[in-house]
Amino acid sequence: MNSDKLLRLRQVEEKTGFGKSWIYQQIRLHQFPTSIRIGSTHVAWLESEIDAWIQQRVRLSRNG
């Protein structure tokens, strides 16, 4: 199994520069990595998926 760091919402907001509403809207539009449930009321994101999303945005902005 691949070891990966879990990021909570605040960390995802800090890393991407986007707020909670935008993040959840993009998830609904299938344009942002989905969260994983880590407890009955807690979710987190895999840091590697957030990093890959950021890199994809960089590539799109440079190539398109």
N, C-alpha and C. Protein backbone atom coordinates (compact mmCIF):
# COMPACT_ATOMS: atom_id res chain seq x y z
N MET A 1 0.84 -1.19 0.00
CA MET A 1 0.00 0.00 0.00
C MET A 1 0.88 1.25 0.00
N ASN A 2 0.49 2.22 -0.79
CA ASN A 2 1.24 3.46 -0.90
C ASN A 2 0.98 4.34 0.33
N SER A 3 2.03 4.76 0.97
CA SER A 3 1.91 5.64 2.12
C SER A 3 1.67 7.06 1.61
N ASP A 4 0.66 7.74 2.16
CA ASP A 4 0.32 9.07 1.71
C ASP A 4 -0.22 9.87 2.87
N LYS A 5 0.07 11.15 2.85
CA LYS A 5 -0.39 12.05 3.90
C LYS A 5 -1.85 12.45 3.64
N LEU A 6 -2.63 12.51 4.71
CA LEU A 6 -4.01 12.98 4.61
C LEU A 6 -4.06 14.46 4.96
N LEU A 7 -4.78 15.22 4.15
CA LEU A 7 -4.95 16.64 4.39
C LEU A 7 -6.39 16.93 4.78
N ARG A 8 -6.56 17.73 5.80
CA ARG A 8 -7.90 18.17 6.19
C ARG A 8 -8.27 19.39 5.33
N LEU A 9 -9.53 19.78 5.38
CA LEU A 9 -10.03 20.85 4.52
C LEU A 9 -9.20 22.12 4.62
N ARG A 10 -8.86 22.54 5.82
CA ARG A 10 -8.08 23.78 5.99
C ARG A 10 -6.75 23.69 5.25
N GLN A 11 -6.13 22.52 5.31
CA GLN A 11 -4.85 22.33 4.62
C GLN A 11 -5.03 22.36 3.10
N VAL A 12 -6.13 21.79 2.62
CA VAL A 12 -6.41 21.81 1.19
C VAL A 12 -6.67 23.25 0.74
N GLU A 13 -7.40 24.01 1.55
CA GLU A 13 -7.65 25.42 1.23
C GLU A 13 -6.33 26.19 1.15
N GLU A 14 -5.46 25.97 2.11
CA GLU A 14 -4.16 26.66 2.12
C GLU A 14 -3.30 26.26 0.92
N LYS A 15 -3.31 24.98 0.60
CA LYS A 15 -2.46 24.47 -0.48
C LYS A 15 -2.94 24.95 -1.85
N THR A 16 -4.26 25.05 -2.04
CA THR A 16 -4.80 25.42 -3.35
C THR A 16 -5.10 26.91 -3.48
N GLY A 17 -5.34 27.57 -2.36
CA GLY A 17 -5.74 28.97 -2.40
C GLY A 17 -7.23 29.17 -2.61
N PHE A 18 -8.00 28.10 -2.60
CA PHE A 18 -9.44 28.17 -2.79
C PHE A 18 -10.16 27.87 -1.49
N GLY A 19 -11.39 28.38 -1.38
CA GLY A 19 -12.19 28.19 -0.18
C GLY A 19 -13.06 26.95 -0.24
N LYS A 20 -13.69 26.68 0.88
CA LYS A 20 -14.53 25.50 1.05
C LYS A 20 -15.62 25.40 -0.01
N SER A 21 -16.36 26.48 -0.24
CA SER A 21 -17.47 26.45 -1.20
C SER A 21 -16.99 26.09 -2.59
N TRP A 22 -15.88 26.72 -3.02
CA TRP A 22 -15.35 26.45 -4.35
C TRP A 22 -14.90 25.00 -4.46
N ILE A 23 -14.21 24.51 -3.45
CA ILE A 23 -13.71 23.13 -3.46
C ILE A 23 -14.87 22.15 -3.61
N TYR A 24 -15.91 22.30 -2.79
CA TYR A 24 -17.04 21.37 -2.87
C TYR A 24 -17.82 21.51 -4.17
N GLN A 25 -17.90 22.72 -4.71
CA GLN A 25 -18.55 22.91 -6.00
C GLN A 25 -17.78 22.16 -7.09
N GLN A 26 -16.46 22.27 -7.08
CA GLN A 26 -15.64 21.58 -8.07
C GLN A 26 -15.71 20.06 -7.93
N ILE A 27 -15.84 19.58 -6.70
CA ILE A 27 -16.02 18.14 -6.49
C ILE A 27 -17.33 17.69 -7.13
N ARG A 28 -18.40 18.45 -6.93
CA ARG A 28 -19.69 18.11 -7.54
C ARG A 28 -19.62 18.10 -9.06
N LEU A 29 -18.77 18.95 -9.62
CA LEU A 29 -18.59 19.03 -11.07
C LEU A 29 -17.55 18.03 -11.58
N HIS A 30 -17.02 17.21 -10.69
CA HIS A 30 -15.99 16.22 -11.02
C HIS A 30 -14.73 16.88 -11.58
N GLN A 31 -14.38 18.04 -11.03
CA GLN A 31 -13.21 18.79 -11.46
C GLN A 31 -12.14 18.90 -10.37
N PHE A 32 -12.35 18.21 -9.27
CA PHE A 32 -11.43 18.28 -8.13
C PHE A 32 -11.43 16.93 -7.44
N PRO A 33 -10.30 16.51 -6.87
CA PRO A 33 -10.25 15.21 -6.17
C PRO A 33 -11.31 15.12 -5.06
N THR A 34 -11.91 13.97 -4.96
CA THR A 34 -12.92 13.77 -3.92
C THR A 34 -12.24 13.44 -2.59
N SER A 35 -12.94 13.77 -1.53
CA SER A 35 -12.45 13.49 -0.19
C SER A 35 -12.70 12.02 0.15
N ILE A 36 -12.01 11.56 1.17
CA ILE A 36 -12.26 10.22 1.70
C ILE A 36 -12.74 10.35 3.13
N ARG A 37 -13.63 9.49 3.52
CA ARG A 37 -14.17 9.51 4.88
C ARG A 37 -13.15 8.89 5.83
N ILE A 38 -12.80 9.62 6.88
CA ILE A 38 -11.83 9.10 7.85
C ILE A 38 -12.47 8.92 9.23
N GLY A 39 -13.76 9.17 9.30
CA GLY A 39 -14.51 9.00 10.54
C GLY A 39 -15.98 9.24 10.24
N SER A 40 -16.79 9.16 11.25
CA SER A 40 -18.23 9.31 11.00
C SER A 40 -18.59 10.71 10.49
N THR A 41 -17.84 11.73 10.89
CA THR A 41 -18.13 13.09 10.44
C THR A 41 -16.90 13.81 9.89
N HIS A 42 -15.83 13.08 9.64
CA HIS A 42 -14.58 13.72 9.20
C HIS A 42 -14.16 13.20 7.83
N VAL A 43 -13.65 14.11 7.02
CA VAL A 43 -13.12 13.74 5.71
C VAL A 43 -11.73 14.34 5.56
N ALA A 44 -10.99 13.78 4.60
CA ALA A 44 -9.66 14.28 4.28
C ALA A 44 -9.39 13.99 2.82
N TRP A 45 -8.33 14.56 2.31
CA TRP A 45 -7.91 14.35 0.93
C TRP A 45 -6.51 13.77 0.94
N LEU A 46 -6.20 12.95 -0.06
CA LEU A 46 -4.84 12.45 -0.21
C LEU A 46 -3.98 13.57 -0.78
N GLU A 47 -2.88 13.85 -0.13
CA GLU A 47 -2.01 14.92 -0.57
C GLU A 47 -1.51 14.68 -2.00
N SER A 48 -1.25 13.45 -2.35
CA SER A 48 -0.75 13.15 -3.70
C SER A 48 -1.79 13.50 -4.76
N GLU A 49 -3.08 13.32 -4.46
CA GLU A 49 -4.12 13.68 -5.41
C GLU A 49 -4.25 15.19 -5.55
N ILE A 50 -4.10 15.92 -4.46
CA ILE A 50 -4.14 17.38 -4.52
C ILE A 50 -2.93 17.89 -5.29
N ASP A 51 -1.76 17.33 -5.03
CA ASP A 51 -0.55 17.73 -5.76
C ASP A 51 -0.70 17.45 -7.25
N ALA A 52 -1.26 16.30 -7.61
CA ALA A 52 -1.46 15.96 -9.02
C ALA A 52 -2.44 16.93 -9.68
N TRP A 53 -3.49 17.32 -8.95
CA TRP A 53 -4.47 18.28 -9.47
C TRP A 53 -3.78 19.62 -9.74
N ILE A 54 -2.95 20.06 -8.80
CA ILE A 54 -2.22 21.33 -8.97
C ILE A 54 -1.31 21.24 -10.19
N GLN A 55 -0.56 20.15 -10.33
CA GLN A 55 0.34 19.99 -11.47
C GLN A 55 -0.42 19.97 -12.79
N GLN A 56 -1.60 19.36 -12.79
CA GLN A 56 -2.43 19.35 -13.99
C GLN A 56 -2.85 20.77 -14.37
N ARG A 57 -3.22 21.57 -13.38
CA ARG A 57 -3.59 22.97 -13.64
C ARG A 57 -2.41 23.76 -14.20
N VAL A 58 -1.22 23.51 -13.69
CA VAL A 58 -0.02 24.18 -14.19
C VAL A 58 0.21 23.79 -15.65
N ARG A 59 0.13 22.49 -15.95
CA ARG A 59 0.33 22.03 -17.33
C ARG A 59 -0.69 22.64 -18.28
N LEU A 60 -1.96 22.68 -17.87
CA LEU A 60 -3.01 23.25 -18.71
C LEU A 60 -2.77 24.73 -18.96
N SER A 61 -2.31 25.46 -17.96
CA SER A 61 -2.09 26.89 -18.14
C SER A 61 -0.87 27.17 -19.01
N ARG A 62 0.09 26.27 -19.00
CA ARG A 62 1.31 26.45 -19.79
C ARG A 62 1.12 26.00 -21.24
N ASN A 63 0.26 25.00 -21.45
CA ASN A 63 0.09 24.42 -22.78
C ASN A 63 -1.17 24.88 -23.49
N GLY A 64 -2.02 25.61 -22.84
CA GLY A 64 -3.27 25.91 -23.49
C GLY A 64 -3.65 27.32 -23.43
